[in-house]
Amino acid sequence: YRLRRIEELTGLDLGRSEDRLLLYV
């Protein structure tokens, strides 16, 4: 639930490598 909420708020897809990298950076 929290990870889905993070996706909703950031507009990023945690299943997508580029989005995970952007969030990590």
PDB file of all heavy atoms in Angstrom:
ATOM      1  N   TYR A   1       0.841  -1.206   0.000  1.00  0.00           N
ATOM      2  CA  TYR A   1       0.000   0.000   0.000  1.00  0.00           C
ATOM      3  C   TYR A   1       0.874   1.253   0.000  1.00  0.00           C
ATOM      4  O   TYR A   1       0.638   2.189  -0.777  1.00  0.00           O
ATOM      5  CB  TYR A   1      -0.943   0.005   1.210  1.00  0.00           C
ATOM      6  CG  TYR A   1      -1.584   1.352   1.404  1.00  0.00           C
ATOM      7  CD1 TYR A   1      -2.656   1.747   0.605  1.00  0.00           C
ATOM      8  CD2 TYR A   1      -1.096   2.250   2.340  1.00  0.00           C
ATOM      9  CE1 TYR A   1      -3.233   3.004   0.747  1.00  0.00           C
ATOM     10  CE2 TYR A   1      -1.663   3.506   2.494  1.00  0.00           C
ATOM     11  CZ  TYR A   1      -2.730   3.873   1.701  1.00  0.00           C
ATOM     12  OH  TYR A   1      -3.277   5.122   1.840  1.00  0.00           O
ATOM     13  N   ARG A   2       1.890   1.285   0.874  1.00  0.00           N
ATOM     14  CA  ARG A   2       2.758   2.464   0.953  1.00  0.00           C
ATOM     15  C   ARG A   2       3.520   2.694  -0.351  1.00  0.00           C
ATOM     16  O   ARG A   2       3.663   3.832  -0.798  1.00  0.00           O
ATOM     17  CB  ARG A   2       3.744   2.320   2.110  1.00  0.00           C
ATOM     18  CG  ARG A   2       3.096   2.435   3.464  1.00  0.00           C
ATOM     19  CD  ARG A   2       4.145   2.322   4.544  1.00  0.00           C
ATOM     20  NE  ARG A   2       3.557   2.225   5.865  1.00  0.00           N
ATOM     21  CZ  ARG A   2       4.266   2.036   6.970  1.00  0.00           C
ATOM     22  NH1 ARG A   2       5.593   1.947   6.903  1.00  0.00           N
ATOM     23  NH2 ARG A   2       3.667   1.953   8.135  1.00  0.00           N
ATOM     24  N   LEU A   3       4.004   1.621  -0.974  1.00  0.00           N
ATOM     25  CA  LEU A   3       4.725   1.769  -2.237  1.00  0.00           C
ATOM     26  C   LEU A   3       3.798   2.283  -3.339  1.00  0.00           C
ATOM     27  O   LEU A   3       4.195   3.124  -4.160  1.00  0.00           O
ATOM     28  CB  LEU A   3       5.395   0.458  -2.639  1.00  0.00           C
ATOM     29  CG  LEU A   3       6.544  -0.008  -1.736  1.00  0.00           C
ATOM     30  CD1 LEU A   3       7.035  -1.390  -2.161  1.00  0.00           C
ATOM     31  CD2 LEU A   3       7.687   0.994  -1.732  1.00  0.00           C
ATOM     32  N   ARG A   4       2.556   1.801  -3.352  1.00  0.00           N
ATOM     33  CA  ARG A   4       1.580   2.317  -4.332  1.00  0.00           C
ATOM     34  C   ARG A   4       1.302   3.800  -4.068  1.00  0.00           C
ATOM     35  O   ARG A   4       1.182   4.590  -4.999  1.00  0.00           O
ATOM     36  CB  ARG A   4       0.274   1.518  -4.272  1.00  0.00           C
ATOM     37  CG  ARG A   4       0.324   0.197  -5.012  1.00  0.00           C
ATOM     38  CD  ARG A   4      -1.052  -0.433  -5.192  1.00  0.00           C
ATOM     39  NE  ARG A   4      -1.850  -0.509  -3.980  1.00  0.00           N
ATOM     40  CZ  ARG A   4      -1.773  -1.492  -3.073  1.00  0.00           C
ATOM     41  NH1 ARG A   4      -0.920  -2.485  -3.235  1.00  0.00           N
ATOM     42  NH2 ARG A   4      -2.554  -1.491  -2.012  1.00  0.00           N
ATOM     43  N   ARG A   5       1.224   4.157  -2.797  1.00  0.00           N
ATOM     44  CA  ARG A   5       0.987   5.564  -2.437  1.00  0.00           C
ATOM     45  C   ARG A   5       2.166   6.437  -2.886  1.00  0.00           C
ATOM     46  O   ARG A   5       1.967   7.551  -3.381  1.00  0.00           O
ATOM     47  CB  ARG A   5       0.770   5.667  -0.923  1.00  0.00           C
ATOM     48  CG  ARG A   5       0.315   7.005  -0.474  1.00  0.00           C
ATOM     49  CD  ARG A   5      -1.145   7.257  -0.867  1.00  0.00           C
ATOM     50  NE  ARG A   5      -1.501   8.594  -0.417  1.00  0.00           N
ATOM     51  CZ  ARG A   5      -2.004   9.525  -1.207  1.00  0.00           C
ATOM     52  NH1 ARG A   5      -2.254   9.262  -2.474  1.00  0.00           N
ATOM     53  NH2 ARG A   5      -2.277  10.720  -0.745  1.00  0.00           N
ATOM     54  N   ILE A   6       3.375   5.941  -2.740  1.00  0.00           N
ATOM     55  CA  ILE A   6       4.565   6.658  -3.207  1.00  0.00           C
ATOM     56  C   ILE A   6       4.480   6.864  -4.719  1.00  0.00           C
ATOM     57  O   ILE A   6       4.763   7.951  -5.230  1.00  0.00           O
ATOM     58  CB  ILE A   6       5.855   5.915  -2.801  1.00  0.00           C
ATOM     59  CG1 ILE A   6       6.071   6.028  -1.286  1.00  0.00           C
ATOM     60  CG2 ILE A   6       7.065   6.428  -3.575  1.00  0.00           C
ATOM     61  CD1 ILE A   6       7.136   5.088  -0.727  1.00  0.00           C
ATOM     62  N   GLU A   7       4.065   5.835  -5.431  1.00  0.00           N
ATOM     63  CA  GLU A   7       3.900   5.956  -6.891  1.00  0.00           C
ATOM     64  C   GLU A   7       2.860   7.021  -7.238  1.00  0.00           C
ATOM     65  O   GLU A   7       3.086   7.847  -8.126  1.00  0.00           O
ATOM     66  CB  GLU A   7       3.476   4.614  -7.490  1.00  0.00           C
ATOM     67  CG  GLU A   7       4.573   3.591  -7.542  1.00  0.00           C
ATOM     68  CD  GLU A   7       4.121   2.273  -8.153  1.00  0.00           C
ATOM     69  OE1 GLU A   7       2.975   1.840  -7.903  1.00  0.00           O
ATOM     70  OE2 GLU A   7       4.918   1.691  -8.901  1.00  0.00           O
ATOM     71  N   GLU A   8       1.734   7.007  -6.535  1.00  0.00           N
ATOM     72  CA  GLU A   8       0.676   7.980  -6.800  1.00  0.00           C
ATOM     73  C   GLU A   8       1.160   9.406  -6.575  1.00  0.00           C
ATOM     74  O   GLU A   8       0.904  10.294  -7.394  1.00  0.00           O
ATOM     75  CB  GLU A   8      -0.529   7.721  -5.892  1.00  0.00           C
ATOM     76  CG  GLU A   8      -1.298   6.464  -6.197  1.00  0.00           C
ATOM     77  CD  GLU A   8      -2.318   6.134  -5.110  1.00  0.00           C
ATOM     78  OE1 GLU A   8      -2.564   6.981  -4.212  1.00  0.00           O
ATOM     79  OE2 GLU A   8      -2.865   5.023  -5.153  1.00  0.00           O
ATOM     80  N   LEU A   9       1.834   9.627  -5.463  1.00  0.00           N
ATOM     81  CA  LEU A   9       2.251  10.984  -5.098  1.00  0.00           C
ATOM     82  C   LEU A   9       3.397  11.506  -5.965  1.00  0.00           C
ATOM     83  O   LEU A   9       3.454  12.698  -6.253  1.00  0.00           O
ATOM     84  CB  LEU A   9       2.655  11.035  -3.624  1.00  0.00           C
ATOM     85  CG  LEU A   9       1.514  10.837  -2.633  1.00  0.00           C
ATOM     86  CD1 LEU A   9       2.056  10.657  -1.227  1.00  0.00           C
ATOM     87  CD2 LEU A   9       0.542  12.018  -2.694  1.00  0.00           C
ATOM     88  N   THR A  10       4.315  10.630  -6.346  1.00  0.00           N
ATOM     89  CA  THR A  10       5.468  11.072  -7.133  1.00  0.00           C
ATOM     90  C   THR A  10       5.194  11.039  -8.634  1.00  0.00           C
ATOM     91  O   THR A  10       5.922  11.672  -9.403  1.00  0.00           O
ATOM     92  CB  THR A  10       6.708  10.197  -6.853  1.00  0.00           C
ATOM     93  OG1 THR A  10       6.428   8.844  -7.240  1.00  0.00           O
ATOM     94  CG2 THR A  10       7.110  10.266  -5.386  1.00  0.00           C
ATOM     95  N   GLY A  11       4.192  10.279  -9.047  1.00  0.00           N
ATOM     96  CA  GLY A  11       3.928  10.114 -10.468  1.00  0.00           C
ATOM     97  C   GLY A  11       4.910   9.180 -11.141  1.00  0.00           C
ATOM     98  O   GLY A  11       5.022   9.163 -12.366  1.00  0.00           O
ATOM     99  N   LEU A  12       5.638   8.397 -10.324  1.00  0.00           N
ATOM    100  CA  LEU A  12       6.645   7.475 -10.858  1.00  0.00           C
ATOM    101  C   LEU A  12       6.171   6.038 -10.711  1.00  0.00           C
ATOM    102  O   LEU A  12       5.424   5.703  -9.802  1.00  0.00           O
ATOM    103  CB  LEU A  12       7.975   7.671 -10.127  1.00  0.00           C
ATOM    104  CG  LEU A  12       8.595   9.062 -10.253  1.00  0.00           C
ATOM    105  CD1 LEU A  12       9.807   9.187  -9.348  1.00  0.00           C
ATOM    106  CD2 LEU A  12       8.960   9.360 -11.695  1.00  0.00           C
ATOM    107  N   ASP A  13       6.632   5.180 -11.617  1.00  0.00           N
ATOM    108  CA  ASP A  13       6.302   3.761 -11.616  1.00  0.00           C
ATOM    109  C   ASP A  13       7.504   3.001 -11.067  1.00  0.00           C
ATOM    110  O   ASP A  13       8.546   2.920 -11.731  1.00  0.00           O
ATOM    111  CB  ASP A  13       5.980   3.325 -13.049  1.00  0.00           C
ATOM    112  CG  ASP A  13       5.691   1.844 -13.184  1.00  0.00           C
ATOM    113  OD1 ASP A  13       5.771   1.098 -12.181  1.00  0.00           O
ATOM    114  OD2 ASP A  13       5.389   1.424 -14.321  1.00  0.00           O
ATOM    115  N   LEU A  14       7.376   2.436  -9.863  1.00  0.00           N
ATOM    116  CA  LEU A  14       8.497   1.738  -9.238  1.00  0.00           C
ATOM    117  C   LEU A  14       8.866   0.442  -9.958  1.00  0.00           C
ATOM    118  O   LEU A  14       9.914  -0.133  -9.689  1.00  0.00           O
ATOM    119  CB  LEU A  14       8.200   1.459  -7.756  1.00  0.00           C
ATOM    120  CG  LEU A  14       8.047   2.712  -6.896  1.00  0.00           C
ATOM    121  CD1 LEU A  14       7.717   2.340  -5.452  1.00  0.00           C
ATOM    122  CD2 LEU A  14       9.290   3.574  -6.956  1.00  0.00           C
ATOM    123  N   GLY A  15       8.044   0.010 -10.887  1.00  0.00           N
ATOM    124  CA  GLY A  15       8.376  -1.147 -11.708  1.00  0.00           C
ATOM    125  C   GLY A  15       9.264  -0.787 -12.890  1.00  0.00           C
ATOM    126  O   GLY A  15       9.786  -1.662 -13.583  1.00  0.00           O
ATOM    127  N   ARG A  16       9.460   0.488 -13.111  1.00  0.00           N
ATOM    128  CA  ARG A  16      10.262   0.990 -14.236  1.00  0.00           C
ATOM    129  C   ARG A  16      11.641   1.412 -13.724  1.00  0.00           C
ATOM    130  O   ARG A  16      11.755   2.236 -12.827  1.00  0.00           O
ATOM    131  CB  ARG A  16       9.526   2.181 -14.853  1.00  0.00           C
ATOM    132  CG  ARG A  16      10.060   2.655 -16.147  1.00  0.00           C
ATOM    133  CD  ARG A  16       9.116   3.687 -16.778  1.00  0.00           C
ATOM    134  NE  ARG A  16       9.845   4.295 -17.869  1.00  0.00           N
ATOM    135  CZ  ARG A  16      10.236   5.549 -17.889  1.00  0.00           C
ATOM    136  NH1 ARG A  16       9.918   6.375 -16.910  1.00  0.00           N
ATOM    137  NH2 ARG A  16      10.927   6.015 -18.915  1.00  0.00           N
ATOM    138  N   SER A  17      12.689   0.858 -14.292  1.00  0.00           N
ATOM    139  CA  SER A  17      14.061   1.118 -13.827  1.00  0.00           C
ATOM    140  C   SER A  17      14.400   2.600 -13.791  1.00  0.00           C
ATOM    141  O   SER A  17      14.978   3.089 -12.820  1.00  0.00           O
ATOM    142  CB  SER A  17      15.080   0.391 -14.709  1.00  0.00           C
ATOM    143  OG  SER A  17      14.901  -0.989 -14.630  1.00  0.00           O
ATOM    144  N   GLU A  18      14.070   3.326 -14.844  1.00  0.00           N
ATOM    145  CA  GLU A  18      14.404   4.745 -14.906  1.00  0.00           C
ATOM    146  C   GLU A  18      13.710   5.536 -13.785  1.00  0.00           C
ATOM    147  O   GLU A  18      14.299   6.420 -13.174  1.00  0.00           O
ATOM    148  CB  GLU A  18      14.025   5.320 -16.266  1.00  0.00           C
ATOM    149  CG  GLU A  18      14.511   6.742 -16.451  1.00  0.00           C
ATOM    150  CD  GLU A  18      14.286   7.248 -17.866  1.00  0.00           C
ATOM    151  OE1 GLU A  18      14.392   6.447 -18.823  1.00  0.00           O
ATOM    152  OE2 GLU A  18      14.002   8.445 -18.004  1.00  0.00           O
ATOM    153  N   ASP A  19      12.460   5.203 -13.491  1.00  0.00           N
ATOM    154  CA  ASP A  19      11.737   5.881 -12.414  1.00  0.00           C
ATOM    155  C   ASP A  19      12.317   5.542 -11.047  1.00  0.00           C
ATOM    156  O   ASP A  19      12.427   6.417 -10.180  1.00  0.00           O
ATOM    157  CB  ASP A  19      10.252   5.525 -12.456  1.00  0.00           C
ATOM    158  CG  ASP A  19       9.512   6.212 -13.603  1.00  0.00           C
ATOM    159  OD1 ASP A  19      10.138   7.008 -14.340  1.00  0.00           O
ATOM    160  OD2 ASP A  19       8.310   5.946 -13.758  1.00  0.00           O
ATOM    161  N   ARG A  20      12.688   4.283 -10.843  1.00  0.00           N
ATOM    162  CA  ARG A  20      13.333   3.898  -9.574  1.00  0.00           C
ATOM    163  C   ARG A  20      14.642   4.650  -9.401  1.00  0.00           C
ATOM    164  O   ARG A  20      14.951   5.133  -8.313  1.00  0.00           O
ATOM    165  CB  ARG A  20      13.595   2.385  -9.517  1.00  0.00           C
ATOM    166  CG  ARG A  20      12.388   1.562  -9.190  1.00  0.00           C
ATOM    167  CD  ARG A  20      12.729   0.130  -8.823  1.00  0.00           C
ATOM    168  NE  ARG A  20      13.711  -0.514  -9.663  1.00  0.00           N
ATOM    169  CZ  ARG A  20      13.442  -1.194 -10.782  1.00  0.00           C
ATOM    170  NH1 ARG A  20      12.195  -1.322 -11.195  1.00  0.00           N
ATOM    171  NH2 ARG A  20      14.402  -1.750 -11.475  1.00  0.00           N
ATOM    172  N   LEU A  21      15.414   4.761 -10.480  1.00  0.00           N
ATOM    173  CA  LEU A  21      16.678   5.480 -10.411  1.00  0.00           C
ATOM    174  C   LEU A  21      16.450   6.951 -10.092  1.00  0.00           C
ATOM    175  O   LEU A  21      17.141   7.531  -9.247  1.00  0.00           O
ATOM    176  CB  LEU A  21      17.474   5.328 -11.713  1.00  0.00           C
ATOM    177  CG  LEU A  21      18.801   6.073 -11.753  1.00  0.00           C
ATOM    178  CD1 LEU A  21      19.736   5.589 -10.648  1.00  0.00           C
ATOM    179  CD2 LEU A  21      19.458   5.904 -13.113  1.00  0.00           C
ATOM    180  N   LEU A  22      15.480   7.573 -10.746  1.00  0.00           N
ATOM    181  CA  LEU A  22      15.171   8.971 -10.468  1.00  0.00           C
ATOM    182  C   LEU A  22      14.781   9.157  -9.004  1.00  0.00           C
ATOM    183  O   LEU A  22      15.240  10.092  -8.338  1.00  0.00           O
ATOM    184  CB  LEU A  22      14.049   9.467 -11.381  1.00  0.00           C
ATOM    185  CG  LEU A  22      13.572  10.900 -11.140  1.00  0.00           C
ATOM    186  CD1 LEU A  22      14.720  11.895 -11.248  1.00  0.00           C
ATOM    187  CD2 LEU A  22      12.456  11.244 -12.099  1.00  0.00           C
ATOM    188  N   LEU A  23      13.974   8.274  -8.477  1.00  0.00           N
ATOM    189  CA  LEU A  23      13.561   8.370  -7.078  1.00  0.00           C
ATOM    190  C   LEU A  23      14.745   8.152  -6.141  1.00  0.00           C
ATOM    191  O   LEU A  23      14.887   8.842  -5.127  1.00  0.00           O
ATOM    192  CB  LEU A  23      12.445   7.357  -6.796  1.00  0.00           C
ATOM    193  CG  LEU A  23      11.621   7.574  -5.551  1.00  0.00           C
ATOM    194  CD1 LEU A  23      11.041   8.978  -5.489  1.00  0.00           C
ATOM    195  CD2 LEU A  23      10.506   6.542  -5.492  1.00  0.00           C
ATOM    196  N   TYR A  24      15.624   7.225  -6.491  1.00  0.00           N
ATOM    197  CA  TYR A  24      16.818   6.968  -5.685  1.00  0.00           C
ATOM    198  C   TYR A  24      17.741   8.189  -5.682  1.00  0.00           C
ATOM    199  O   TYR A  24      18.237   8.608  -4.635  1.00  0.00           O
ATOM    200  CB  TYR A  24      17.546   5.735  -6.221  1.00  0.00           C
ATOM    201  CG  TYR A  24      18.714   5.301  -5.378  1.00  0.00           C
ATOM    202  CD1 TYR A  24      18.520   4.845  -4.087  1.00  0.00           C
ATOM    203  CD2 TYR A  24      20.003   5.349  -5.880  1.00  0.00           C
ATOM    204  CE1 TYR A  24      19.594   4.444  -3.297  1.00  0.00           C
ATOM    205  CE2 TYR A  24      21.081   4.948  -5.104  1.00  0.00           C
ATOM    206  CZ  TYR A  24      20.871   4.491  -3.817  1.00  0.00           C
ATOM    207  OH  TYR A  24      21.939   4.103  -3.044  1.00  0.00           O
ATOM    208  N   VAL A  25      17.957   8.775  -6.840  1.00  0.00           N
ATOM    209  CA  VAL A  25      18.794   9.978  -6.931  1.00  0.00           C
ATOM    210  C   VAL A  25      18.152  11.114  -6.146  1.00  0.00           C
ATOM    211  O   VAL A  25      18.829  11.856  -5.436  1.00  0.00           O
ATOM    212  CB  VAL A  25      19.051  10.371  -8.405  1.00  0.00           C
ATOM    213  CG1 VAL A  25      19.649  11.754  -8.527  1.00  0.00           C
ATOM    214  CG2 VAL A  25      19.942   9.333  -9.078  1.00  0.00           C
TER     215      VAL A  25
END
